[in-house]
Amino acid sequence: MRLTRSEKRLLILFLVFVVICAVLAVMVFRPGSPDPLRQPTELYPHVNAGDTFVIDPDWPAASSEVSVGAVTGVAVAPDGHIWVSSYGKPPVREYDARGHFVRGWGA
């Protein structure tokens, strides 16, 4: 059986594809030295330097003066009050630490 020129090209292209896939599979799945940033070691211990926050679904308390909208910013004032900017009405709101609406302004 004799292959035509286009069949030979197709066969060579397929073999090149198989070799490339095999090389990529070896590169991806070969065991290597562990990444020190992913594996804790004495030199690189896991340290949580950031704060951890938990969402409270009941915060803020419901208020007839506020309509809910997508929140665009949150800040905490020195007195412990939380300022929220959003697409709701009013767009700028102040809450006390327990989530009770204090005041708001904007269109």
C-alpha atoms as a PDB file:
ATOM      1  CA  MET A   1       0.000   0.000   0.000  1.00  0.00           C
ATOM      2  CA  ARG A   2       1.386   3.338  -1.017  1.00  0.00           C
ATOM      3  CA  LEU A   3       0.416   6.610   0.667  1.00  0.00           C
ATOM      4  CA  THR A   4      -0.281   9.704  -1.325  1.00  0.00           C
ATOM      5  CA  ARG A   5       1.605  12.903  -0.625  1.00  0.00           C
ATOM      6  CA  SER A   6      -1.314  14.488   1.265  1.00  0.00           C
ATOM      7  CA  GLU A   7      -1.777  11.321   3.341  1.00  0.00           C
ATOM      8  CA  LYS A   8       1.929  11.389   4.270  1.00  0.00           C
ATOM      9  CA  ARG A   9       1.634  15.021   5.337  1.00  0.00           C
ATOM     10  CA  LEU A  10      -1.442  14.243   7.400  1.00  0.00           C
ATOM     11  CA  LEU A  11       0.315  11.298   9.060  1.00  0.00           C
ATOM     12  CA  ILE A  12       3.371  13.425   9.888  1.00  0.00           C
ATOM     13  CA  LEU A  13       1.147  16.184  11.269  1.00  0.00           C
ATOM     14  CA  PHE A  14      -0.695  13.653  13.441  1.00  0.00           C
ATOM     15  CA  LEU A  15       2.586  12.182  14.761  1.00  0.00           C
ATOM     16  CA  VAL A  16       3.898  15.668  15.595  1.00  0.00           C
ATOM     17  CA  PHE A  17       0.663  16.383  17.447  1.00  0.00           C
ATOM     18  CA  VAL A  18       0.977  13.140  19.445  1.00  0.00           C
ATOM     19  CA  VAL A  19       4.596  13.920  20.368  1.00  0.00           C
ATOM     20  CA  ILE A  20       3.692  17.455  21.488  1.00  0.00           C
ATOM     21  CA  CYS A  21       0.827  16.115  23.631  1.00  0.00           C
ATOM     22  CA  ALA A  22       3.142  13.524  25.200  1.00  0.00           C
ATOM     23  CA  VAL A  23       5.789  16.142  26.017  1.00  0.00           C
ATOM     24  CA  LEU A  24       3.188  18.460  27.534  1.00  0.00           C
ATOM     25  CA  ALA A  25       1.726  15.622  29.599  1.00  0.00           C
ATOM     26  CA  VAL A  26       5.159  14.741  30.960  1.00  0.00           C
ATOM     27  CA  MET A  27       5.864  18.383  31.814  1.00  0.00           C
ATOM     28  CA  VAL A  28       2.541  18.858  33.588  1.00  0.00           C
ATOM     29  CA  PHE A  29       2.300  15.590  35.477  1.00  0.00           C
ATOM     30  CA  ARG A  30       5.930  14.914  36.380  1.00  0.00           C
ATOM     31  CA  PRO A  31       6.680  15.045  40.064  1.00  0.00           C
ATOM     32  CA  GLY A  32       9.023  17.882  40.859  1.00  0.00           C
ATOM     33  CA  SER A  33      10.281  19.687  43.869  1.00  0.00           C
ATOM     34  CA  PRO A  34       7.412  21.173  45.872  1.00  0.00           C
ATOM     35  CA  ASP A  35       6.758  24.874  45.465  1.00  0.00           C
ATOM     36  CA  PRO A  36       7.920  26.494  48.724  1.00  0.00           C
ATOM     37  CA  LEU A  37       5.101  29.006  48.510  1.00  0.00           C
ATOM     38  CA  ARG A  38       2.506  26.231  48.364  1.00  0.00           C
ATOM     39  CA  GLN A  39       4.098  23.812  50.836  1.00  0.00           C
ATOM     40  CA  PRO A  40       4.841  25.110  54.340  1.00  0.00           C
ATOM     41  CA  THR A  41       8.433  24.689  55.444  1.00  0.00           C
ATOM     42  CA  GLU A  42      10.576  26.189  58.176  1.00  0.00           C
ATOM     43  CA  LEU A  43      11.849  28.706  55.667  1.00  0.00           C
ATOM     44  CA  TYR A  44       8.380  29.511  54.313  1.00  0.00           C
ATOM     45  CA  PRO A  45       5.751  28.875  57.036  1.00  0.00           C
ATOM     46  CA  HIS A  46       2.113  29.594  56.303  1.00  0.00           C
ATOM     47  CA  VAL A  47       1.232  32.882  57.931  1.00  0.00           C
ATOM     48  CA  ASN A  48      -2.118  34.615  57.637  1.00  0.00           C
ATOM     49  CA  ALA A  49      -1.097  38.274  57.682  1.00  0.00           C
ATOM     50  CA  GLY A  50      -4.535  39.488  56.618  1.00  0.00           C
ATOM     51  CA  ASP A  51      -7.729  39.868  58.541  1.00  0.00           C
ATOM     52  CA  THR A  52     -10.415  37.242  58.144  1.00  0.00           C
ATOM     53  CA  PHE A  53     -13.968  38.456  57.722  1.00  0.00           C
ATOM     54  CA  VAL A  54     -17.207  36.542  58.039  1.00  0.00           C
ATOM     55  CA  ILE A  55     -20.381  37.717  56.312  1.00  0.00           C
ATOM     56  CA  ASP A  56     -23.325  38.299  58.635  1.00  0.00           C
ATOM     57  CA  PRO A  57     -26.515  37.829  56.561  1.00  0.00           C
ATOM     58  CA  ASP A  58     -28.562  39.769  59.164  1.00  0.00           C
ATOM     59  CA  TRP A  59     -26.395  42.885  58.908  1.00  0.00           C
ATOM     60  CA  PRO A  60     -27.515  45.612  58.427  1.00  0.00           C
ATOM     61  CA  ALA A  61     -30.846  45.567  60.209  1.00  0.00           C
ATOM     62  CA  ALA A  62     -33.852  46.114  57.963  1.00  0.00           C
ATOM     63  CA  SER A  63     -35.025  49.720  57.683  1.00  0.00           C
ATOM     64  CA  SER A  64     -37.898  51.306  55.775  1.00  0.00           C
ATOM     65  CA  GLU A  65     -35.652  54.296  54.987  1.00  0.00           C
ATOM     66  CA  VAL A  66     -33.180  52.249  52.948  1.00  0.00           C
ATOM     67  CA  SER A  67     -33.523  50.424  49.636  1.00  0.00           C
ATOM     68  CA  VAL A  68     -30.937  47.769  48.896  1.00  0.00           C
ATOM     69  CA  GLY A  69     -28.494  48.199  46.002  1.00  0.00           C
ATOM     70  CA  ALA A  70     -25.098  46.914  44.932  1.00  0.00           C
ATOM     71  CA  VAL A  71     -22.468  48.063  47.432  1.00  0.00           C
ATOM     72  CA  THR A  72     -19.573  50.027  45.912  1.00  0.00           C
ATOM     73  CA  GLY A  73     -17.625  50.853  49.073  1.00  0.00           C
ATOM     74  CA  VAL A  74     -17.407  50.296  52.823  1.00  0.00           C
ATOM     75  CA  ALA A  75     -15.445  52.242  55.453  1.00  0.00           C
ATOM     76  CA  VAL A  76     -15.256  52.134  59.238  1.00  0.00           C
ATOM     77  CA  ALA A  77     -15.067  55.453  61.096  1.00  0.00           C
ATOM     78  CA  PRO A  78     -13.014  55.909  64.286  1.00  0.00           C
ATOM     79  CA  ASP A  79     -16.238  55.934  66.327  1.00  0.00           C
ATOM     80  CA  GLY A  80     -17.068  52.404  65.068  1.00  0.00           C
ATOM     81  CA  HIS A  81     -19.799  53.489  62.669  1.00  0.00           C
ATOM     82  CA  ILE A  82     -19.817  51.883  59.247  1.00  0.00           C
ATOM     83  CA  TRP A  83     -20.238  53.981  56.121  1.00  0.00           C
ATOM     84  CA  VAL A  84     -21.624  52.286  53.020  1.00  0.00           C
ATOM     85  CA  SER A  85     -21.856  53.644  49.499  1.00  0.00           C
ATOM     86  CA  SER A  86     -24.110  51.819  47.074  1.00  0.00           C
ATOM     87  CA  TYR A  87     -26.543  52.106  44.197  1.00  0.00           C
ATOM     88  CA  GLY A  88     -29.448  51.963  46.669  1.00  0.00           C
ATOM     89  CA  LYS A  89     -31.403  54.836  48.193  1.00  0.00           C
ATOM     90  CA  PRO A  90     -29.833  56.743  49.848  1.00  0.00           C
ATOM     91  CA  PRO A  91     -26.500  56.095  48.127  1.00  0.00           C
ATOM     92  CA  VAL A  92     -24.401  57.086  51.179  1.00  0.00           C
ATOM     93  CA  ARG A  93     -25.442  55.534  54.488  1.00  0.00           C
ATOM     94  CA  GLU A  94     -24.159  55.426  58.043  1.00  0.00           C
ATOM     95  CA  TYR A  95     -24.806  52.452  60.333  1.00  0.00           C
ATOM     96  CA  ASP A  96     -23.877  51.885  63.958  1.00  0.00           C
ATOM     97  CA  ALA A  97     -21.814  48.816  64.885  1.00  0.00           C
ATOM     98  CA  ARG A  98     -24.954  46.694  65.363  1.00  0.00           C
ATOM     99  CA  GLY A  99     -26.173  47.528  61.838  1.00  0.00           C
ATOM    100  CA  HIS A 100     -28.916  50.012  62.691  1.00  0.00           C
ATOM    101  CA  PHE A 101     -29.378  52.790  60.144  1.00  0.00           C
ATOM    102  CA  VAL A 102     -28.221  56.150  61.542  1.00  0.00           C
ATOM    103  CA  ARG A 103     -28.489  58.506  58.578  1.00  0.00           C
ATOM    104  CA  GLY A 104     -27.955  58.765  54.851  1.00  0.00           C
ATOM    105  CA  TRP A 105     -27.874  61.277  52.063  1.00  0.00           C
ATOM    106  CA  GLY A 106     -27.795  61.589  48.301  1.00  0.00           C
ATOM    107  CA  ALA A 107     -30.259  61.362  45.466  1.00  0.00           C
END
